[in-house]
Amino acid sequence: KDITTDVVSIGSKVIVKDLEYDEEMEYIIVGSAEADPYEGRISNESPVGNALLGKEKDQIIEVHVPDGLIKYQILSITR
């Protein structure tokens, strides 16, 4: 219950919008040992997880992934 919802941190549940494909996705930021991308649990060390850390609602982030550059807008941060 000490997890803030002002910025993304480990334990945050984040809903982002892919600005290219206009799709929403939900991620939970976890430590690398708990990561399970198929369940939406992404590591804080992954490109997307790392890019989200410390960001606030409505911010737009750019993430370099193997397929290129992805732009996400953060729609909500909960725990």
N, C-alpha and C. Protein backbone atom coordinates (compact mmCIF):
# COMPACT_ATOMS: atom_id res chain seq x y z
N LYS A 1 0.80 -1.21 0.00
CA LYS A 1 0.00 0.00 0.00
C LYS A 1 0.84 1.26 0.00
N ASP A 2 2.16 1.10 0.02
CA ASP A 2 3.04 2.26 -0.04
C ASP A 2 3.35 2.69 -1.47
N ILE A 3 2.76 2.02 -2.44
CA ILE A 3 3.04 2.32 -3.84
C ILE A 3 2.26 3.57 -4.25
N THR A 4 2.97 4.56 -4.77
CA THR A 4 2.32 5.79 -5.21
C THR A 4 1.62 5.57 -6.55
N THR A 5 0.61 6.36 -6.80
CA THR A 5 -0.04 6.32 -8.11
C THR A 5 0.23 7.60 -8.89
N ASP A 6 1.14 8.44 -8.37
CA ASP A 6 1.51 9.67 -9.07
C ASP A 6 2.49 9.40 -10.21
N VAL A 7 3.40 8.46 -9.99
CA VAL A 7 4.38 8.09 -11.00
C VAL A 7 4.46 6.57 -11.07
N VAL A 8 4.94 6.07 -12.19
CA VAL A 8 5.07 4.63 -12.38
C VAL A 8 6.26 4.13 -11.56
N SER A 9 6.03 3.06 -10.80
CA SER A 9 7.10 2.43 -10.02
C SER A 9 6.87 0.92 -10.05
N ILE A 10 7.79 0.16 -9.47
CA ILE A 10 7.60 -1.28 -9.40
C ILE A 10 6.33 -1.55 -8.60
N GLY A 11 5.47 -2.40 -9.12
CA GLY A 11 4.19 -2.69 -8.50
C GLY A 11 3.04 -1.92 -9.11
N SER A 12 3.33 -0.92 -9.92
CA SER A 12 2.27 -0.13 -10.56
C SER A 12 1.58 -0.93 -11.65
N LYS A 13 0.27 -0.72 -11.77
CA LYS A 13 -0.49 -1.21 -12.92
C LYS A 13 -0.70 -0.01 -13.82
N VAL A 14 -0.25 -0.12 -15.05
CA VAL A 14 -0.24 1.02 -15.97
C VAL A 14 -1.04 0.67 -17.22
N ILE A 15 -1.94 1.55 -17.59
CA ILE A 15 -2.65 1.40 -18.86
C ILE A 15 -2.06 2.42 -19.81
N VAL A 16 -1.58 1.93 -20.95
CA VAL A 16 -0.97 2.81 -21.95
C VAL A 16 -1.72 2.66 -23.27
N LYS A 17 -1.61 3.68 -24.09
CA LYS A 17 -2.21 3.66 -25.43
C LYS A 17 -1.08 3.71 -26.44
N ASP A 18 -1.06 2.73 -27.34
CA ASP A 18 -0.10 2.72 -28.45
C ASP A 18 -0.60 3.76 -29.45
N LEU A 19 0.17 4.83 -29.63
CA LEU A 19 -0.28 5.94 -30.46
C LEU A 19 -0.29 5.62 -31.95
N GLU A 20 0.47 4.63 -32.38
CA GLU A 20 0.47 4.26 -33.79
C GLU A 20 -0.74 3.41 -34.15
N TYR A 21 -1.06 2.44 -33.29
CA TYR A 21 -2.14 1.51 -33.58
C TYR A 21 -3.43 1.81 -32.84
N ASP A 22 -3.43 2.85 -32.00
CA ASP A 22 -4.61 3.25 -31.24
C ASP A 22 -5.16 2.10 -30.41
N GLU A 23 -4.26 1.36 -29.77
CA GLU A 23 -4.65 0.23 -28.92
C GLU A 23 -4.22 0.50 -27.49
N GLU A 24 -5.05 0.05 -26.54
CA GLU A 24 -4.71 0.17 -25.13
C GLU A 24 -4.16 -1.15 -24.62
N MET A 25 -3.15 -1.06 -23.75
CA MET A 25 -2.57 -2.24 -23.13
C MET A 25 -2.38 -1.97 -21.65
N GLU A 26 -2.46 -3.05 -20.87
CA GLU A 26 -2.27 -2.92 -19.43
C GLU A 26 -1.03 -3.70 -19.03
N TYR A 27 -0.15 -3.07 -18.27
CA TYR A 27 1.06 -3.71 -17.79
C TYR A 27 1.15 -3.55 -16.28
N ILE A 28 1.73 -4.54 -15.64
CA ILE A 28 2.11 -4.43 -14.24
C ILE A 28 3.63 -4.47 -14.22
N ILE A 29 4.24 -3.47 -13.58
CA ILE A 29 5.70 -3.40 -13.53
C ILE A 29 6.19 -4.22 -12.34
N VAL A 30 7.02 -5.21 -12.63
CA VAL A 30 7.51 -6.13 -11.59
C VAL A 30 9.03 -6.27 -11.70
N GLY A 31 9.63 -6.91 -10.71
CA GLY A 31 11.04 -7.24 -10.78
C GLY A 31 11.27 -8.32 -11.83
N SER A 32 12.50 -8.47 -12.27
CA SER A 32 12.79 -9.40 -13.37
C SER A 32 12.42 -10.84 -13.04
N ALA A 33 12.49 -11.25 -11.78
CA ALA A 33 12.17 -12.63 -11.41
C ALA A 33 10.67 -12.93 -11.52
N GLU A 34 9.85 -11.89 -11.47
CA GLU A 34 8.39 -12.07 -11.51
C GLU A 34 7.79 -11.82 -12.89
N ALA A 35 8.61 -11.42 -13.85
CA ALA A 35 8.10 -11.02 -15.16
C ALA A 35 7.44 -12.18 -15.89
N ASP A 36 6.32 -11.89 -16.52
CA ASP A 36 5.60 -12.83 -17.37
C ASP A 36 4.86 -12.01 -18.42
N PRO A 37 5.53 -11.72 -19.54
CA PRO A 37 4.92 -10.83 -20.55
C PRO A 37 3.55 -11.31 -21.05
N TYR A 38 3.32 -12.62 -21.06
CA TYR A 38 2.04 -13.14 -21.54
C TYR A 38 0.91 -12.83 -20.57
N GLU A 39 1.26 -12.52 -19.32
CA GLU A 39 0.27 -12.15 -18.31
C GLU A 39 0.26 -10.64 -18.07
N GLY A 40 1.01 -9.88 -18.90
CA GLY A 40 1.06 -8.43 -18.75
C GLY A 40 1.97 -7.97 -17.64
N ARG A 41 2.80 -8.86 -17.09
CA ARG A 41 3.73 -8.52 -16.02
C ARG A 41 5.11 -8.31 -16.65
N ILE A 42 5.50 -7.05 -16.78
CA ILE A 42 6.78 -6.76 -17.45
C ILE A 42 7.82 -6.29 -16.44
N SER A 43 9.04 -6.66 -16.71
CA SER A 43 10.15 -6.34 -15.83
C SER A 43 10.49 -4.85 -15.87
N ASN A 44 10.91 -4.35 -14.73
CA ASN A 44 11.39 -2.97 -14.67
C ASN A 44 12.67 -2.81 -15.48
N GLU A 45 13.30 -3.92 -15.86
CA GLU A 45 14.53 -3.88 -16.65
C GLU A 45 14.27 -4.01 -18.15
N SER A 46 13.05 -4.34 -18.54
CA SER A 46 12.71 -4.45 -19.96
C SER A 46 12.67 -3.05 -20.58
N PRO A 47 12.79 -2.95 -21.90
CA PRO A 47 12.75 -1.61 -22.53
C PRO A 47 11.48 -0.82 -22.18
N VAL A 48 10.32 -1.48 -22.24
CA VAL A 48 9.07 -0.77 -21.95
C VAL A 48 8.97 -0.46 -20.46
N GLY A 49 9.25 -1.44 -19.62
CA GLY A 49 9.19 -1.23 -18.18
C GLY A 49 10.11 -0.12 -17.72
N ASN A 50 11.33 -0.13 -18.22
CA ASN A 50 12.31 0.88 -17.85
C ASN A 50 11.88 2.27 -18.32
N ALA A 51 11.31 2.35 -19.52
CA ALA A 51 10.87 3.64 -20.06
C ALA A 51 9.70 4.21 -19.27
N LEU A 52 8.86 3.32 -18.70
CA LEU A 52 7.70 3.78 -17.94
C LEU A 52 8.06 4.27 -16.54
N LEU A 53 9.11 3.72 -15.95
CA LEU A 53 9.45 4.06 -14.56
C LEU A 53 9.65 5.57 -14.39
N GLY A 54 9.01 6.09 -13.34
CA GLY A 54 9.16 7.51 -13.01
C GLY A 54 8.30 8.46 -13.82
N LYS A 55 7.53 7.92 -14.76
CA LYS A 55 6.70 8.78 -15.61
C LYS A 55 5.33 8.99 -14.97
N GLU A 56 4.63 10.03 -15.41
CA GLU A 56 3.32 10.41 -14.86
C GLU A 56 2.22 10.18 -15.88
N LYS A 57 0.98 10.18 -15.37
CA LYS A 57 -0.19 10.04 -16.23
C LYS A 57 -0.17 11.12 -17.31
N ASP A 58 -0.60 10.75 -18.50
CA ASP A 58 -0.70 11.60 -19.69
C ASP A 58 0.63 11.84 -20.39
N GLN A 59 1.75 11.43 -19.79
CA GLN A 59 3.03 11.58 -20.48
C GLN A 59 3.10 10.65 -21.68
N ILE A 60 3.83 11.07 -22.69
CA ILE A 60 4.09 10.23 -23.86
C ILE A 60 5.54 9.79 -23.79
N ILE A 61 5.73 8.49 -23.94
CA ILE A 61 7.09 7.94 -23.91
C ILE A 61 7.41 7.30 -25.25
N GLU A 62 8.69 7.28 -25.57
CA GLU A 62 9.16 6.59 -26.77
C GLU A 62 10.06 5.45 -26.30
N VAL A 63 9.82 4.26 -26.87
CA VAL A 63 10.57 3.08 -26.46
C VAL A 63 11.21 2.44 -27.68
N HIS A 64 12.51 2.24 -27.62
CA HIS A 64 13.21 1.53 -28.69
C HIS A 64 13.13 0.04 -28.40
N VAL A 65 12.49 -0.70 -29.31
CA VAL A 65 12.34 -2.15 -29.20
C VAL A 65 12.92 -2.77 -30.47
N PRO A 66 13.10 -4.09 -30.48
CA PRO A 66 13.67 -4.72 -31.68
C PRO A 66 12.95 -4.38 -32.98
N ASP A 67 11.63 -4.16 -32.91
CA ASP A 67 10.86 -3.84 -34.12
C ASP A 67 10.91 -2.37 -34.51
N GLY A 68 11.55 -1.53 -33.69
CA GLY A 68 11.62 -0.11 -34.01
C GLY A 68 11.30 0.75 -32.82
N LEU A 69 10.57 1.84 -33.07
CA LEU A 69 10.23 2.81 -32.04
C LEU A 69 8.73 2.75 -31.77
N ILE A 70 8.37 2.64 -30.49
CA ILE A 70 6.96 2.63 -30.10
C ILE A 70 6.70 3.89 -29.27
N LYS A 71 5.55 4.53 -29.50
CA LYS A 71 5.14 5.68 -28.69
C LYS A 71 3.89 5.29 -27.91
N TYR A 72 3.97 5.46 -26.60
CA TYR A 72 2.85 5.17 -25.71
C TYR A 72 2.47 6.44 -24.97
N GLN A 73 1.15 6.60 -24.73
CA GLN A 73 0.68 7.61 -23.82
C GLN A 73 0.18 6.89 -22.58
N ILE A 74 0.57 7.38 -21.40
CA ILE A 74 0.15 6.75 -20.15
C ILE A 74 -1.25 7.26 -19.83
N LEU A 75 -2.21 6.33 -19.77
CA LEU A 75 -3.61 6.70 -19.51
C LEU A 75 -3.95 6.65 -18.03
N SER A 76 -3.39 5.66 -17.30
CA SER A 76 -3.66 5.58 -15.87
C SER A 76 -2.57 4.81 -15.16
N ILE A 77 -2.43 5.14 -13.87
CA ILE A 77 -1.47 4.45 -13.00
C ILE A 77 -2.24 4.07 -11.73
N THR A 78 -2.30 2.79 -11.44
CA THR A 78 -2.96 2.32 -10.22
C THR A 78 -2.03 1.30 -9.56
N ARG A 79 -2.48 0.73 -8.44
CA ARG A 79 -1.66 -0.32 -7.83
C ARG A 79 -2.38 -1.63 -7.78
